Amino acid sequence: MTVKEVVLGFIGTFFLLSVLATQIPGIMILIVFAIPVFVLLLSQCKCEECREGYGIFLQNLDFRTGKCLSCSQKNKKQSGMEKQK
């Protein structure tokens, strides 16, 4: 799964559970359990190019490109070399 899919899934799930919790207050407990599940899913996300993990706090993720920092640096170097030619 990509980070985008996990974040969109979290937003959708959180919204649905919030709407249901207005009708059935016991559903609020599911929100408490849903948050750690999505944190675990985020920690399992990997770069699409090199399959390197982003880390539990997404410290290796370049938010501009959606790739890991090493792939992002490689792409910057390659684009810099092409501009020099």
N, C-alpha and C. Protein backbone atom coordinates (compact mmCIF):
# COMPACT_ATOMS: atom_id res chain seq x y z
N MET A 1 0.84 -1.18 0.00
CA MET A 1 0.00 0.00 0.00
C MET A 1 0.88 1.24 0.00
N THR A 2 0.40 2.27 -0.65
CA THR A 2 1.12 3.52 -0.65
C THR A 2 0.65 4.38 0.52
N VAL A 3 1.44 5.38 0.84
CA VAL A 3 1.09 6.28 1.93
C VAL A 3 -0.23 6.99 1.62
N LYS A 4 -0.41 7.35 0.36
CA LYS A 4 -1.64 8.04 -0.04
C LYS A 4 -2.86 7.16 0.22
N GLU A 5 -2.79 5.89 -0.13
CA GLU A 5 -3.90 4.96 0.09
C GLU A 5 -4.21 4.81 1.57
N VAL A 6 -3.17 4.71 2.39
CA VAL A 6 -3.37 4.54 3.83
C VAL A 6 -4.00 5.79 4.43
N VAL A 7 -3.51 6.97 4.04
CA VAL A 7 -4.06 8.22 4.58
C VAL A 7 -5.51 8.40 4.14
N LEU A 8 -5.81 8.14 2.88
CA LEU A 8 -7.20 8.26 2.41
C LEU A 8 -8.10 7.23 3.08
N GLY A 9 -7.58 6.03 3.30
CA GLY A 9 -8.35 5.02 4.02
C GLY A 9 -8.63 5.44 5.46
N PHE A 10 -7.64 6.05 6.09
CA PHE A 10 -7.83 6.54 7.46
C PHE A 10 -8.89 7.63 7.50
N ILE A 11 -8.83 8.57 6.56
CA ILE A 11 -9.81 9.65 6.54
C ILE A 11 -11.21 9.10 6.33
N GLY A 12 -11.35 8.18 5.38
CA GLY A 12 -12.66 7.58 5.12
C GLY A 12 -13.18 6.80 6.31
N THR A 13 -12.33 6.00 6.92
CA THR A 13 -12.74 5.20 8.07
C THR A 13 -13.08 6.08 9.25
N PHE A 14 -12.25 7.09 9.51
CA PHE A 14 -12.49 7.99 10.63
C PHE A 14 -13.80 8.76 10.44
N PHE A 15 -14.07 9.21 9.22
CA PHE A 15 -15.31 9.92 8.92
C PHE A 15 -16.52 9.02 9.13
N LEU A 16 -16.44 7.80 8.60
CA LEU A 16 -17.56 6.85 8.74
C LEU A 16 -17.82 6.52 10.20
N LEU A 17 -16.76 6.24 10.96
CA LEU A 17 -16.94 5.92 12.37
C LEU A 17 -17.46 7.13 13.15
N SER A 18 -17.05 8.32 12.77
CA SER A 18 -17.55 9.53 13.45
C SER A 18 -19.03 9.72 13.20
N VAL A 19 -19.46 9.49 11.96
CA VAL A 19 -20.90 9.61 11.64
C VAL A 19 -21.69 8.56 12.39
N LEU A 20 -21.19 7.34 12.43
CA LEU A 20 -21.90 6.28 13.15
C LEU A 20 -21.91 6.53 14.66
N ALA A 21 -20.85 7.15 15.17
CA ALA A 21 -20.76 7.41 16.61
C ALA A 21 -21.79 8.43 17.06
N THR A 22 -22.28 9.27 16.15
CA THR A 22 -23.33 10.22 16.53
C THR A 22 -24.63 9.48 16.81
N GLN A 23 -24.82 8.35 16.17
CA GLN A 23 -26.04 7.55 16.38
C GLN A 23 -25.87 6.50 17.47
N ILE A 24 -24.68 5.88 17.49
CA ILE A 24 -24.40 4.81 18.44
C ILE A 24 -23.11 5.17 19.18
N PRO A 25 -23.20 5.69 20.40
CA PRO A 25 -21.99 6.16 21.10
C PRO A 25 -20.93 5.08 21.35
N GLY A 26 -21.32 3.83 21.40
CA GLY A 26 -20.35 2.76 21.64
C GLY A 26 -19.34 2.59 20.52
N ILE A 27 -19.64 3.12 19.36
CA ILE A 27 -18.74 3.01 18.21
C ILE A 27 -17.48 3.84 18.43
N MET A 28 -17.52 4.81 19.34
CA MET A 28 -16.35 5.65 19.59
C MET A 28 -15.14 4.83 20.02
N ILE A 29 -15.39 3.69 20.64
CA ILE A 29 -14.29 2.82 21.05
C ILE A 29 -13.53 2.30 19.84
N LEU A 30 -14.24 2.07 18.73
CA LEU A 30 -13.57 1.59 17.52
C LEU A 30 -12.60 2.63 16.98
N ILE A 31 -12.91 3.92 17.18
CA ILE A 31 -12.00 4.97 16.72
C ILE A 31 -10.67 4.86 17.46
N VAL A 32 -10.75 4.56 18.75
CA VAL A 32 -9.54 4.43 19.56
C VAL A 32 -8.66 3.29 19.04
N PHE A 33 -9.29 2.20 18.58
CA PHE A 33 -8.51 1.07 18.06
C PHE A 33 -8.10 1.26 16.61
N ALA A 34 -8.81 2.10 15.88
CA ALA A 34 -8.49 2.31 14.46
C ALA A 34 -7.20 3.10 14.29
N ILE A 35 -6.94 4.02 15.19
CA ILE A 35 -5.74 4.87 15.05
C ILE A 35 -4.46 4.05 15.09
N PRO A 36 -4.24 3.15 16.06
CA PRO A 36 -3.00 2.35 16.04
C PRO A 36 -2.89 1.43 14.82
N VAL A 37 -4.02 0.97 14.32
CA VAL A 37 -3.98 0.12 13.13
C VAL A 37 -3.44 0.90 11.94
N PHE A 38 -3.90 2.13 11.77
CA PHE A 38 -3.41 2.92 10.65
C PHE A 38 -1.97 3.36 10.85
N VAL A 39 -1.54 3.58 12.08
CA VAL A 39 -0.12 3.88 12.34
C VAL A 39 0.73 2.67 11.95
N LEU A 40 0.25 1.48 12.27
CA LEU A 40 0.96 0.26 11.88
C LEU A 40 1.01 0.12 10.36
N LEU A 41 -0.10 0.41 9.69
CA LEU A 41 -0.12 0.35 8.23
C LEU A 41 0.85 1.36 7.62
N LEU A 42 0.92 2.56 8.19
CA LEU A 42 1.86 3.57 7.69
C LEU A 42 3.30 3.10 7.84
N SER A 43 3.58 2.44 8.95
CA SER A 43 4.96 1.97 9.17
C SER A 43 5.33 0.84 8.22
N GLN A 44 4.34 0.17 7.63
CA GLN A 44 4.61 -0.92 6.70
C GLN A 44 4.76 -0.46 5.25
N CYS A 45 4.47 0.81 4.97
CA CYS A 45 4.57 1.33 3.60
C CYS A 45 6.02 1.34 3.14
N LYS A 46 6.20 1.07 1.84
CA LYS A 46 7.54 1.01 1.27
C LYS A 46 7.59 1.85 0.00
N CYS A 47 8.80 2.26 -0.36
CA CYS A 47 9.02 3.03 -1.59
C CYS A 47 8.64 2.15 -2.79
N GLU A 48 8.00 2.74 -3.77
CA GLU A 48 7.57 1.97 -4.94
C GLU A 48 8.74 1.58 -5.84
N GLU A 49 9.83 2.35 -5.81
CA GLU A 49 10.97 2.04 -6.68
C GLU A 49 11.92 1.03 -6.07
N CYS A 50 12.39 1.29 -4.84
CA CYS A 50 13.43 0.42 -4.26
C CYS A 50 12.91 -0.49 -3.15
N ARG A 51 11.65 -0.34 -2.77
CA ARG A 51 11.00 -1.16 -1.74
C ARG A 51 11.61 -0.95 -0.35
N GLU A 52 12.28 0.19 -0.14
CA GLU A 52 12.83 0.52 1.18
C GLU A 52 11.72 1.09 2.05
N GLY A 53 11.70 0.71 3.33
CA GLY A 53 10.68 1.20 4.24
C GLY A 53 10.88 2.66 4.59
N TYR A 54 9.79 3.36 4.87
CA TYR A 54 9.86 4.78 5.23
C TYR A 54 10.14 4.98 6.72
N GLY A 55 10.00 3.95 7.52
CA GLY A 55 10.16 4.08 8.96
C GLY A 55 8.83 4.36 9.63
N ILE A 56 8.75 4.12 10.92
CA ILE A 56 7.48 4.23 11.64
C ILE A 56 6.98 5.67 11.70
N PHE A 57 7.90 6.64 11.67
CA PHE A 57 7.49 8.05 11.72
C PHE A 57 7.60 8.71 10.35
N LEU A 58 7.74 7.90 9.30
CA LEU A 58 7.88 8.38 7.92
C LEU A 58 9.07 9.32 7.76
N GLN A 59 10.13 9.09 8.54
CA GLN A 59 11.29 9.96 8.49
C GLN A 59 12.07 9.81 7.18
N ASN A 60 11.88 8.73 6.45
CA ASN A 60 12.60 8.53 5.18
C ASN A 60 11.74 8.86 3.97
N LEU A 61 10.63 9.53 4.16
CA LEU A 61 9.71 9.85 3.07
C LEU A 61 9.90 11.29 2.62
N ASP A 62 10.05 11.48 1.33
CA ASP A 62 10.08 12.82 0.75
C ASP A 62 8.65 13.14 0.33
N PHE A 63 8.01 14.06 1.02
CA PHE A 63 6.60 14.34 0.78
C PHE A 63 6.35 14.99 -0.58
N ARG A 64 7.36 15.65 -1.15
CA ARG A 64 7.17 16.27 -2.45
C ARG A 64 7.06 15.24 -3.56
N THR A 65 7.86 14.19 -3.47
CA THR A 65 7.89 13.20 -4.54
C THR A 65 7.12 11.93 -4.21
N GLY A 66 6.91 11.65 -2.92
CA GLY A 66 6.25 10.42 -2.52
C GLY A 66 7.17 9.22 -2.56
N LYS A 67 8.48 9.47 -2.63
CA LYS A 67 9.47 8.40 -2.68
C LYS A 67 10.35 8.50 -1.45
N CYS A 68 11.20 7.49 -1.26
CA CYS A 68 12.13 7.53 -0.14
C CYS A 68 13.19 8.58 -0.42
N LEU A 69 13.92 8.98 0.60
CA LEU A 69 14.91 10.04 0.45
C LEU A 69 16.03 9.65 -0.50
N SER A 70 16.46 8.38 -0.48
CA SER A 70 17.55 7.98 -1.36
C SER A 70 17.12 8.01 -2.83
N CYS A 71 15.91 7.56 -3.14
CA CYS A 71 15.42 7.61 -4.53
C CYS A 71 15.21 9.06 -4.96
N SER A 72 14.74 9.88 -4.05
CA SER A 72 14.53 11.29 -4.36
C SER A 72 15.86 11.97 -4.67
N GLN A 73 16.91 11.65 -3.90
CA GLN A 73 18.24 12.22 -4.14
C GLN A 73 18.79 11.74 -5.49
N LYS A 74 18.57 10.47 -5.82
CA LYS A 74 19.03 9.94 -7.11
C LYS A 74 18.35 10.67 -8.25
N ASN A 75 17.06 10.90 -8.13
CA ASN A 75 16.32 11.59 -9.19
C ASN A 75 16.79 13.03 -9.34
N LYS A 76 17.12 13.69 -8.22
CA LYS A 76 17.62 15.07 -8.28
C LYS A 76 18.96 15.11 -9.00
N LYS A 77 19.84 14.14 -8.68
CA LYS A 77 21.15 14.10 -9.31
C LYS A 77 21.02 13.83 -10.80
N GLN A 78 20.12 12.90 -11.18
CA GLN A 78 19.94 12.58 -12.59
C GLN A 78 19.37 13.77 -13.35
N SER A 79 18.42 14.48 -12.76
CA SER A 79 17.83 15.64 -13.44
C SER A 79 18.86 16.77 -13.53
N GLY A 80 19.73 16.89 -12.54
CA GLY A 80 20.78 17.90 -12.57
C GLY A 80 21.80 17.60 -13.68
N MET A 81 22.11 16.32 -13.86
CA MET A 81 23.05 15.92 -14.91
C MET A 81 22.44 16.17 -16.29
N GLU A 82 21.14 15.94 -16.45
CA GLU A 82 20.48 16.15 -17.73
C GLU A 82 20.42 17.64 -18.05
N LYS A 83 20.24 18.49 -17.05
CA LYS A 83 20.19 19.93 -17.29
C LYS A 83 21.54 20.47 -17.70
N GLN A 84 22.64 19.85 -17.21
CA GLN A 84 23.98 20.31 -17.55
C GLN A 84 24.32 19.98 -18.99
N LYS A 85 23.74 18.91 -19.54
CA LYS A 85 24.04 18.49 -20.92
C LYS A 85 23.38 19.41 -21.86
